Each structure stands twice: as structure tokens, then as C-alpha cells.
Protein backbone atom coordinates (compact mmCIF):
# COMPACT_ATOMS: atom_id res chain seq x y z
CA MET A 1 5.54 -23.05 8.62
CA ALA A 2 8.43 -24.81 10.25
CA ASP A 3 10.05 -22.77 13.01
CA PRO A 4 13.73 -23.53 13.68
CA ASN A 5 13.15 -22.61 17.34
CA THR A 6 10.92 -25.68 17.73
CA PRO A 7 12.86 -28.48 16.02
CA ASP A 8 11.09 -31.19 18.05
CA VAL A 9 7.75 -30.46 16.32
CA ASP A 10 6.69 -32.95 13.67
CA TRP A 11 5.66 -30.29 11.12
CA LEU A 12 3.09 -31.05 8.43
CA THR A 13 4.41 -32.02 5.04
CA ALA A 14 3.28 -29.96 2.04
CA ASP A 15 0.69 -32.64 1.17
CA GLU A 16 -0.55 -32.82 4.78
CA ASN A 17 -0.80 -29.05 4.96
CA ALA A 18 -2.77 -28.89 1.70
CA ALA A 19 -5.13 -31.61 3.00
CA TRP A 20 -5.46 -29.77 6.33
CA VAL A 21 -6.31 -26.46 4.68
CA ALA A 22 -8.92 -28.11 2.43
CA PHE A 23 -10.40 -30.02 5.38
CA THR A 24 -10.64 -26.96 7.63
CA ASP A 25 -12.26 -24.99 4.80
CA LEU A 26 -14.90 -27.74 4.60
CA LEU A 27 -15.30 -27.74 8.40
CA PHE A 28 -16.03 -24.02 8.40
CA ARG A 29 -18.24 -23.84 5.32
CA LEU A 30 -20.39 -26.99 5.52
CA PRO A 31 -22.29 -26.26 8.77
CA GLY A 32 -23.24 -22.77 7.59
CA THR A 33 -24.38 -24.09 4.23
CA LEU A 34 -26.53 -26.77 5.86
CA ASP A 35 -27.87 -24.29 8.41
CA SER A 36 -28.88 -21.61 5.91
CA HIS A 37 -30.56 -24.17 3.64
CA LEU A 38 -32.57 -25.68 6.49
CA GLN A 39 -33.60 -22.24 7.76
CA ARG A 40 -34.77 -21.20 4.27
CA THR A 41 -36.57 -24.41 3.39
CA CYS A 42 -37.74 -25.81 6.74
CA GLU A 43 -37.53 -22.96 9.27
CA LEU A 44 -35.14 -25.00 11.41
CA THR A 45 -31.49 -24.53 12.22
CA PHE A 46 -29.16 -27.43 11.46
CA TYR A 47 -28.79 -28.08 15.20
CA GLU A 48 -32.57 -28.04 15.72
CA TYR A 49 -32.91 -30.49 12.84
CA MET A 50 -30.32 -32.80 14.40
CA VAL A 51 -32.11 -32.71 17.78
CA LEU A 52 -35.43 -33.62 16.16
CA ALA A 53 -33.77 -36.31 14.00
CA MET A 54 -32.01 -37.97 16.96
CA LEU A 55 -35.26 -38.04 18.94
CA SER A 56 -37.20 -39.39 15.96
CA GLU A 57 -34.83 -42.36 15.71
CA GLN A 58 -35.64 -43.54 19.25
CA PRO A 59 -38.41 -46.14 19.63
CA ASP A 60 -40.16 -43.99 22.25
CA ARG A 61 -38.93 -40.68 20.74
CA THR A 62 -37.25 -39.88 24.09
CA LEU A 63 -33.65 -39.34 25.16
CA GLY A 64 -31.93 -38.05 28.26
CA MET A 65 -30.59 -34.54 27.73
CA GLY A 66 -26.99 -35.69 28.33
CA THR A 67 -27.28 -38.47 25.75
CA LEU A 68 -28.97 -36.11 23.29
CA ALA A 69 -26.20 -33.54 23.76
CA GLY A 70 -23.64 -36.23 22.94
CA LEU A 71 -25.50 -37.43 19.86
CA THR A 72 -25.79 -33.88 18.53
CA SER A 73 -22.22 -32.91 19.47
CA GLY A 74 -23.46 -30.02 21.57
CA SER A 75 -23.04 -28.84 25.12
CA LEU A 76 -25.84 -29.30 27.65
CA SER A 77 -26.19 -25.52 27.79
CA ARG A 78 -26.63 -25.17 24.03
CA LEU A 79 -28.99 -28.14 23.92
CA SER A 80 -31.07 -26.70 26.74
CA HIS A 81 -31.56 -23.42 24.85
CA VAL A 82 -32.45 -25.23 21.63
CA VAL A 83 -34.86 -27.63 23.33
CA LYS A 84 -36.53 -24.64 25.00
CA ARG A 85 -37.13 -23.10 21.54
CA LEU A 86 -38.37 -26.43 20.21
CA GLU A 87 -40.70 -26.71 23.22
CA HIS A 88 -42.16 -23.28 22.46
CA ALA A 89 -42.75 -24.43 18.88
CA GLY A 90 -44.56 -27.53 20.18
CA TYR A 91 -42.01 -29.99 18.78
CA VAL A 92 -40.48 -31.30 22.02
CA THR A 93 -41.44 -31.68 25.66
CA ARG A 94 -39.12 -31.99 28.66
CA GLN A 95 -39.80 -33.95 31.80
CA ARG A 96 -37.87 -35.40 34.72
CA ASP A 97 -36.54 -38.89 34.21
CA THR A 98 -38.77 -41.24 36.22
CA ALA A 99 -35.81 -43.47 37.15
CA ASP A 100 -33.54 -40.58 38.20
CA LYS A 101 -35.22 -37.29 39.11
CA ARG A 102 -31.89 -35.44 38.74
CA HIS A 103 -31.99 -35.95 34.96
CA MET A 104 -34.24 -34.45 32.30
CA ASN A 105 -35.54 -36.22 29.22
CA ALA A 106 -36.57 -34.68 25.92
CA THR A 107 -39.46 -36.25 24.02
CA LEU A 108 -40.45 -35.58 20.43
CA THR A 109 -44.13 -34.63 20.14
CA ASP A 110 -46.39 -35.67 17.26
CA ALA A 111 -45.97 -32.15 15.83
CA GLY A 112 -42.18 -32.53 16.13
CA TYR A 113 -42.32 -35.87 14.38
CA ASP A 114 -44.41 -34.34 11.59
CA LYS A 115 -41.89 -31.49 11.32
CA ILE A 116 -38.87 -33.80 10.95
CA VAL A 117 -40.71 -36.03 8.47
CA ALA A 118 -41.64 -32.97 6.39
CA SER A 119 -38.10 -31.52 6.61
CA ALA A 120 -36.08 -34.67 5.94
CA PRO A 121 -36.58 -34.86 2.15
CA ALA A 122 -35.22 -31.34 1.54
CA HIS A 123 -32.31 -31.90 3.93
CA VAL A 124 -31.35 -35.31 2.51
CA THR A 125 -31.54 -33.96 -1.05
CA HIS A 126 -29.26 -31.08 -0.09
CA VAL A 127 -26.77 -33.39 1.66
CA ARG A 128 -26.76 -35.65 -1.40
CA GLU A 129 -26.12 -32.65 -3.70
CA LEU A 130 -23.33 -31.28 -1.47
CA ILE A 131 -21.55 -34.51 -0.58
CA PHE A 132 -22.62 -37.84 -1.99
CA ASP A 133 -23.22 -36.86 -5.62
CA HIS A 134 -19.48 -36.04 -5.75
CA LEU A 135 -18.25 -39.35 -4.30
CA ASN A 136 -18.13 -42.89 -5.65
CA ALA A 137 -18.97 -45.90 -3.44
CA ASP A 138 -15.32 -46.43 -2.42
CA GLN A 139 -14.99 -42.77 -1.43
CA VAL A 140 -18.16 -42.99 0.69
CA THR A 141 -16.61 -45.93 2.54
CA GLN A 142 -13.35 -44.00 2.91
CA LEU A 143 -15.23 -40.94 4.19
CA GLN A 144 -16.88 -43.03 6.90
CA THR A 145 -13.63 -44.75 7.83
CA ILE A 146 -11.72 -41.46 8.01
CA SER A 147 -14.52 -39.74 9.93
CA ASP A 148 -14.78 -42.59 12.45
CA THR A 149 -11.01 -42.67 12.93
CA LEU A 150 -10.77 -38.91 13.47
CA ARG A 151 -13.81 -38.85 15.76
CA ASP A 152 -12.34 -41.66 17.87
CA GLY A 153 -9.17 -39.59 18.20
CA LEU A 154 -11.19 -36.66 19.50
CA ALA A 155 -12.49 -38.82 22.35
CA THR A 156 -9.02 -38.95 23.89
CA PRO A 157 -7.30 -35.58 24.18
CA SER A 158 -3.68 -35.49 23.09
CA PRO A 159 -1.42 -34.64 26.03
CA GLY A 160 1.30 -33.77 23.53
CA ALA A 161 -0.63 -30.84 22.06
CA ALA A 162 -1.22 -29.24 25.46
CA ALA A 163 2.37 -29.79 26.47
CA THR A 164 3.59 -28.22 23.22
CA CYS A 165 1.37 -25.14 23.70
CA ASP A 166 2.46 -24.82 27.32
CA ALA A 167 6.13 -25.05 26.33
CA LEU A 168 5.62 -22.46 23.59
CA HIS A 169 3.94 -20.01 25.99
CA LYS A 170 6.70 -20.49 28.56
CA SER A 171 9.41 -19.92 25.95
CA GLN A 172 7.65 -16.73 24.83
CA GLY A 173 7.08 -15.59 28.40
CA THR A 174 3.27 -15.57 28.03
């Protein structure tokens, strides 16, 4: 809602607001849907699946923990907890990087590879049912373009948003 006390804000149009509400609904619902399906069918969380998948795509099935955190859009702390669980399950091992002892690497074991290979068909089928069966080829291209554009924007924080929030707090005395 437009607030007359903040006239310098470029408020969302009705169409933009409708798109935003639909998009945020998707953002909140999709991860939980993927997570519950993977837990039911494969006994993996969505994040665990993504960790195993990213490792399986590497020629040597190994990634540095920092790189793996970036590829799975998770913090190092979250990744560390998940990799610890995957280690206990026998799917991943951790070891010091031989080139830089300060860094840890995660490596997919043969059991982990077997787990991701066994889990992938159910996951891909579910993703197809949820997303791609509802889109035509042009929409798939648009989805990738939009996603890439928005993700690139996330890489550089907007100073305007922080300044606006700071100004709002100061004007409210908070």
C-alpha cells in the first residue's frame, strides 16, 4: 500500500503487486513441497539431495565446502551440519584440502553416488509434474532468463533498500 508519508518510494503497481504475491507464494511453498516429497520417497531432505547432486556432478565427486555452500545456496554452518549427517549415513566424507590445509573438502562416496542415482528419477519426475509440465518451451526459456536475472541482482545488494529502511526507522523513532 502506498503511504503518503513516503512519496519518494516507487510503489508497486497493481500488476507488479499481483506478480509479487504470486511469486512469494511460490517461494514459500515450493521448497516445502520438494522437501516433503524427497523425505517420503528417498529419505533425504531437499538440501541433502542438492548436496549429493552437486557432488555427483564433479568429475572427482569432490568440492570445497565453501564452493559447495555456494552451489547449494546455503551457509557454511548449515552445510557443515548436513554434511555431518550425510557422513554418518555413509554418503559423504570430509577431509582437509591437500593444497590448503585451512579448507575442507566434501567427497561423495560410492554409497552416496548410489543414493543420488536411485533418488534422481523420483525427484526429476516430481519437478517435471510441479513445474515443467505446466510450461511450454518459450516459458521454460523465460523462466531461466528471469531466474538468472533475479539471481544476478541478488549478488549485489541494493544500497537503496537499506537506506529506505534506515530512513523509515529514523522517522518512526525506532
